[in-house]
Structures are given as C-alpha cells and as structure tokens.
Amino acid sequence: MKIEHIAIWVNDLENMKSFYEKYFHVTAGDKYINTKKNFESYFLSFESGCRLEIMKMPGIPASTNDIYKQFTGLIHVAITTGSKQHVDALTEQLRADGYEVVGEPRTTGDGYYESVVLDPEGNRIEITA
C-alpha cells in the first residue's frame, strides 16, 4: 500500500496552486468544479509519489491551531529535493521571496537533513534532502 494523496483546505486556490508549481515543480491537473457544492480543487502531482489535493469551499472554518506550535493531527508535509544543496537553495529562495522559515536547515537526530517553511496559508512544509 501507499498514500495516494493528501488534501488541504485552502482559502486562495489559485495562489496556492501557483506556489506549489513555482517552488516544488508540481504539475496541476484540470480544475475540478462542483457547482452544487460550490467546491473547487486541483490535484498537484510531483515527479513521483503521493499527490497533493488543494480544495476550496465556502463555510470551511479557519484552523485555530497556532502555526508556531505543535498540535495533534496532520502537522506537516515533507517534500524531498534530493540533496542538501537543494534544501539550502530552496530554503533561501523561499526566504528571499518573503516566506517564513520556521526551521533552519539542519541534520535532525534521526538523520534527516531538512528545513521547515510555511506556505502562503501557514501550512508547514519540511524540505528534505
């Protein structure tokens, strides 16, 4: 078995799609629209592995979790770049473009080389080697 996709409710569907396309080189599928539910979504495909679904629909309540603290439930999505140099370069590019780095590049106790950034809506992304 494998994870097929992970879904995230978003406020600005087009901005989030553009963010993941620009920085993580995803390919967006066609926009899905369900007019009865006023629901819209995109599936974002990486070169390999799990897809990310971003979804928008009126009435979805904002999260009350503090993005700077840990909490129960899904806490981050880890995206691998393939090398430490790519982790460092992408982290610096995101920082230069105004995105918040909440975890500087480092080797963790379990051997991962990673940084942590917030996407435009405050979701944590671990960028790994």
C-alpha atoms as a PDB file:
ATOM      1  CA  MET A   1       0.000   0.000   0.000  1.00  0.00           C
ATOM      2  CA  LYS A   2       0.974   3.631  -0.373  1.00  0.00           C
ATOM      3  CA  ILE A   3      -0.504   7.042   0.290  1.00  0.00           C
ATOM      4  CA  GLU A   4      -2.277   8.187  -2.882  1.00  0.00           C
ATOM      5  CA  HIS A   5      -2.856  11.814  -1.911  1.00  0.00           C
ATOM      6  CA  ILE A   6      -3.095  14.262   0.962  1.00  0.00           C
ATOM      7  CA  ALA A   7      -5.711  17.036   0.897  1.00  0.00           C
ATOM      8  CA  ILE A   8      -5.564  20.562   2.280  1.00  0.00           C
ATOM      9  CA  TRP A   9      -8.426  23.047   2.553  1.00  0.00           C
ATOM     10  CA  VAL A  10      -7.239  26.439   1.307  1.00  0.00           C
ATOM     11  CA  ASN A  11      -8.583  29.971   1.087  1.00  0.00           C
ATOM     12  CA  ASP A  12      -6.913  31.070  -2.152  1.00  0.00           C
ATOM     13  CA  LEU A  13      -6.869  28.116  -4.529  1.00  0.00           C
ATOM     14  CA  GLU A  14      -5.055  29.805  -7.410  1.00  0.00           C
ATOM     15  CA  ASN A  15      -2.342  31.344  -5.202  1.00  0.00           C
ATOM     16  CA  MET A  16      -1.656  28.010  -3.514  1.00  0.00           C
ATOM     17  CA  LYS A  17      -1.502  26.229  -6.877  1.00  0.00           C
ATOM     18  CA  SER A  18       0.987  28.797  -8.160  1.00  0.00           C
ATOM     19  CA  PHE A  19       3.130  28.478  -5.010  1.00  0.00           C
ATOM     20  CA  TYR A  20       3.479  24.694  -5.299  1.00  0.00           C
ATOM     21  CA  GLU A  21       4.072  24.899  -9.054  1.00  0.00           C
ATOM     22  CA  LYS A  22       6.808  27.521  -8.688  1.00  0.00           C
ATOM     23  CA  TYR A  23       8.750  26.122  -5.737  1.00  0.00           C
ATOM     24  CA  PHE A  24       8.047  22.384  -5.832  1.00  0.00           C
ATOM     25  CA  HIS A  25       7.601  21.848  -9.581  1.00  0.00           C
ATOM     26  CA  VAL A  26       4.239  20.116  -9.304  1.00  0.00           C
ATOM     27  CA  THR A  27       2.003  19.600 -12.290  1.00  0.00           C
ATOM     28  CA  ALA A  28      -1.568  20.689 -11.663  1.00  0.00           C
ATOM     29  CA  GLY A  29      -4.381  18.660 -13.122  1.00  0.00           C
ATOM     30  CA  ASP A  30      -7.500  20.282 -14.500  1.00  0.00           C
ATOM     31  CA  LYS A  31      -9.515  22.284 -12.001  1.00  0.00           C
ATOM     32  CA  TYR A  32     -12.460  20.285 -10.680  1.00  0.00           C
ATOM     33  CA  ILE A  33     -15.614  22.307 -10.002  1.00  0.00           C
ATOM     34  CA  ASN A  34     -18.771  21.019  -8.334  1.00  0.00           C
ATOM     35  CA  THR A  35     -21.281  23.840  -8.741  1.00  0.00           C
ATOM     36  CA  LYS A  36     -23.894  22.214  -6.474  1.00  0.00           C
ATOM     37  CA  LYS A  37     -21.490  22.220  -3.502  1.00  0.00           C
ATOM     38  CA  ASN A  38     -19.551  25.323  -4.611  1.00  0.00           C
ATOM     39  CA  PHE A  39     -16.423  23.152  -4.331  1.00  0.00           C
ATOM     40  CA  GLU A  40     -13.228  23.569  -6.353  1.00  0.00           C
ATOM     41  CA  SER A  41      -9.988  21.607  -6.275  1.00  0.00           C
ATOM     42  CA  TYR A  42      -6.752  20.750  -8.025  1.00  0.00           C
ATOM     43  CA  PHE A  43      -4.634  17.624  -7.790  1.00  0.00           C
ATOM     44  CA  LEU A  44      -0.956  18.550  -7.749  1.00  0.00           C
ATOM     45  CA  SER A  45       1.370  15.797  -8.960  1.00  0.00           C
ATOM     46  CA  PHE A  46       5.027  15.536  -8.048  1.00  0.00           C
ATOM     47  CA  GLU A  47       7.541  13.767 -10.274  1.00  0.00           C
ATOM     48  CA  SER A  48       6.824  10.619  -8.267  1.00  0.00           C
ATOM     49  CA  GLY A  49       4.937   9.546  -5.193  1.00  0.00           C
ATOM     50  CA  CYS A  50       1.934  10.951  -3.399  1.00  0.00           C
ATOM     51  CA  ARG A  51      -0.182  13.767  -4.846  1.00  0.00           C
ATOM     52  CA  LEU A  52      -1.418  16.845  -3.016  1.00  0.00           C
ATOM     53  CA  GLU A  53      -5.034  17.939  -3.390  1.00  0.00           C
ATOM     54  CA  ILE A  54      -5.829  21.565  -2.634  1.00  0.00           C
ATOM     55  CA  MET A  55      -9.519  22.288  -2.092  1.00  0.00           C
ATOM     56  CA  LYS A  56     -11.738  25.327  -1.571  1.00  0.00           C
ATOM     57  CA  MET A  57     -15.357  25.576  -0.465  1.00  0.00           C
ATOM     58  CA  PRO A  58     -17.271  28.286   1.421  1.00  0.00           C
ATOM     59  CA  GLY A  59     -18.106  27.531   5.023  1.00  0.00           C
ATOM     60  CA  ILE A  60     -14.934  25.626   5.919  1.00  0.00           C
ATOM     61  CA  PRO A  61     -13.867  27.099   9.277  1.00  0.00           C
ATOM     62  CA  ALA A  62     -10.395  28.544   9.715  1.00  0.00           C
ATOM     63  CA  SER A  63      -7.977  26.475  11.771  1.00  0.00           C
ATOM     64  CA  THR A  64      -7.486  27.675  15.337  1.00  0.00           C
ATOM     65  CA  ASN A  65      -4.159  25.855  15.669  1.00  0.00           C
ATOM     66  CA  ASP A  66      -1.106  28.010  16.335  1.00  0.00           C
ATOM     67  CA  ILE A  67       1.178  27.503  13.311  1.00  0.00           C
ATOM     68  CA  TYR A  68       4.234  28.088  15.511  1.00  0.00           C
ATOM     69  CA  LYS A  69       3.383  25.247  17.905  1.00  0.00           C
ATOM     70  CA  GLN A  70       2.929  21.525  17.519  1.00  0.00           C
ATOM     71  CA  PHE A  71      -0.582  20.058  17.771  1.00  0.00           C
ATOM     72  CA  THR A  72      -2.337  16.753  17.225  1.00  0.00           C
ATOM     73  CA  GLY A  73      -3.332  15.774  13.727  1.00  0.00           C
ATOM     74  CA  LEU A  74      -1.540  16.322  10.448  1.00  0.00           C
ATOM     75  CA  ILE A  75       1.339  18.725  11.177  1.00  0.00           C
ATOM     76  CA  HIS A  76       3.453  18.904   8.014  1.00  0.00           C
ATOM     77  CA  VAL A  77       4.075  17.618   4.521  1.00  0.00           C
ATOM     78  CA  ALA A  78       7.659  16.582   3.746  1.00  0.00           C
ATOM     79  CA  ILE A  79       8.898  17.150   0.207  1.00  0.00           C
ATOM     80  CA  THR A  80      12.288  15.818  -0.820  1.00  0.00           C
ATOM     81  CA  THR A  81      14.616  17.775  -3.071  1.00  0.00           C
ATOM     82  CA  GLY A  82      17.257  15.061  -3.408  1.00  0.00           C
ATOM     83  CA  SER A  83      20.250  16.854  -1.870  1.00  0.00           C
ATOM     84  CA  LYS A  84      21.390  19.086   0.989  1.00  0.00           C
ATOM     85  CA  GLN A  85      22.395  21.738  -1.527  1.00  0.00           C
ATOM     86  CA  HIS A  86      18.856  21.813  -2.941  1.00  0.00           C
ATOM     87  CA  VAL A  87      17.387  22.066   0.579  1.00  0.00           C
ATOM     88  CA  ASP A  88      19.636  25.045   1.304  1.00  0.00           C
ATOM     89  CA  ALA A  89      18.982  26.741  -2.057  1.00  0.00           C
ATOM     90  CA  LEU A  90      15.201  26.316  -1.946  1.00  0.00           C
ATOM     91  CA  THR A  91      15.040  27.448   1.687  1.00  0.00           C
ATOM     92  CA  GLU A  92      16.976  30.607   0.808  1.00  0.00           C
ATOM     93  CA  GLN A  93      14.855  31.237  -2.290  1.00  0.00           C
ATOM     94  CA  LEU A  94      11.662  30.966  -0.246  1.00  0.00           C
ATOM     95  CA  ARG A  95      13.077  33.243   2.462  1.00  0.00           C
ATOM     96  CA  ALA A  96      14.154  35.818  -0.163  1.00  0.00           C
ATOM     97  CA  ASP A  97      10.666  35.691  -1.682  1.00  0.00           C
ATOM     98  CA  GLY A  98       9.120  36.548   1.699  1.00  0.00           C
ATOM     99  CA  TYR A  99       8.077  33.132   3.008  1.00  0.00           C
ATOM    100  CA  GLU A 100       8.729  32.353   6.651  1.00  0.00           C
ATOM    101  CA  VAL A 101      11.377  29.797   7.557  1.00  0.00           C
ATOM    102  CA  VAL A 102      10.390  28.279  10.909  1.00  0.00           C
ATOM    103  CA  GLY A 103      13.111  25.611  10.954  1.00  0.00           C
ATOM    104  CA  GLU A 104      16.581  26.370   9.634  1.00  0.00           C
ATOM    105  CA  PRO A 105      18.375  23.734   7.524  1.00  0.00           C
ATOM    106  CA  ARG A 106      19.888  21.108   9.816  1.00  0.00           C
ATOM    107  CA  THR A 107      20.521  17.411  10.294  1.00  0.00           C
ATOM    108  CA  THR A 108      17.964  16.026  12.730  1.00  0.00           C
ATOM    109  CA  GLY A 109      18.620  13.420  15.385  1.00  0.00           C
ATOM    110  CA  ASP A 110      17.128  10.728  13.150  1.00  0.00           C
ATOM    111  CA  GLY A 111      19.439  11.631  10.271  1.00  0.00           C
ATOM    112  CA  TYR A 112      17.246  13.785   8.021  1.00  0.00           C
ATOM    113  CA  TYR A 113      18.642  16.969   6.523  1.00  0.00           C
ATOM    114  CA  GLU A 114      15.717  19.366   6.420  1.00  0.00           C
ATOM    115  CA  SER A 115      14.316  22.845   6.835  1.00  0.00           C
ATOM    116  CA  VAL A 116      10.750  23.897   7.578  1.00  0.00           C
ATOM    117  CA  VAL A 117       8.911  26.712   5.785  1.00  0.00           C
ATOM    118  CA  LEU A 118       5.342  27.966   5.862  1.00  0.00           C
ATOM    119  CA  ASP A 119       3.365  28.015   2.630  1.00  0.00           C
ATOM    120  CA  PRO A 120       1.205  31.099   1.866  1.00  0.00           C
ATOM    121  CA  GLU A 121      -1.546  29.873   4.211  1.00  0.00           C
ATOM    122  CA  GLY A 122       0.666  28.781   7.108  1.00  0.00           C
ATOM    123  CA  ASN A 123       0.943  25.047   6.387  1.00  0.00           C
ATOM    124  CA  ARG A 124       4.299  23.557   7.405  1.00  0.00           C
ATOM    125  CA  ILE A 125       6.451  22.095   4.659  1.00  0.00           C
ATOM    126  CA  GLU A 126       9.547  20.107   5.541  1.00  0.00           C
ATOM    127  CA  ILE A 127      12.045  20.392   2.724  1.00  0.00           C
ATOM    128  CA  THR A 128      14.295  17.323   2.905  1.00  0.00           C
ATOM    129  CA  ALA A 129      17.379  16.010   1.159  1.00  0.00           C
END
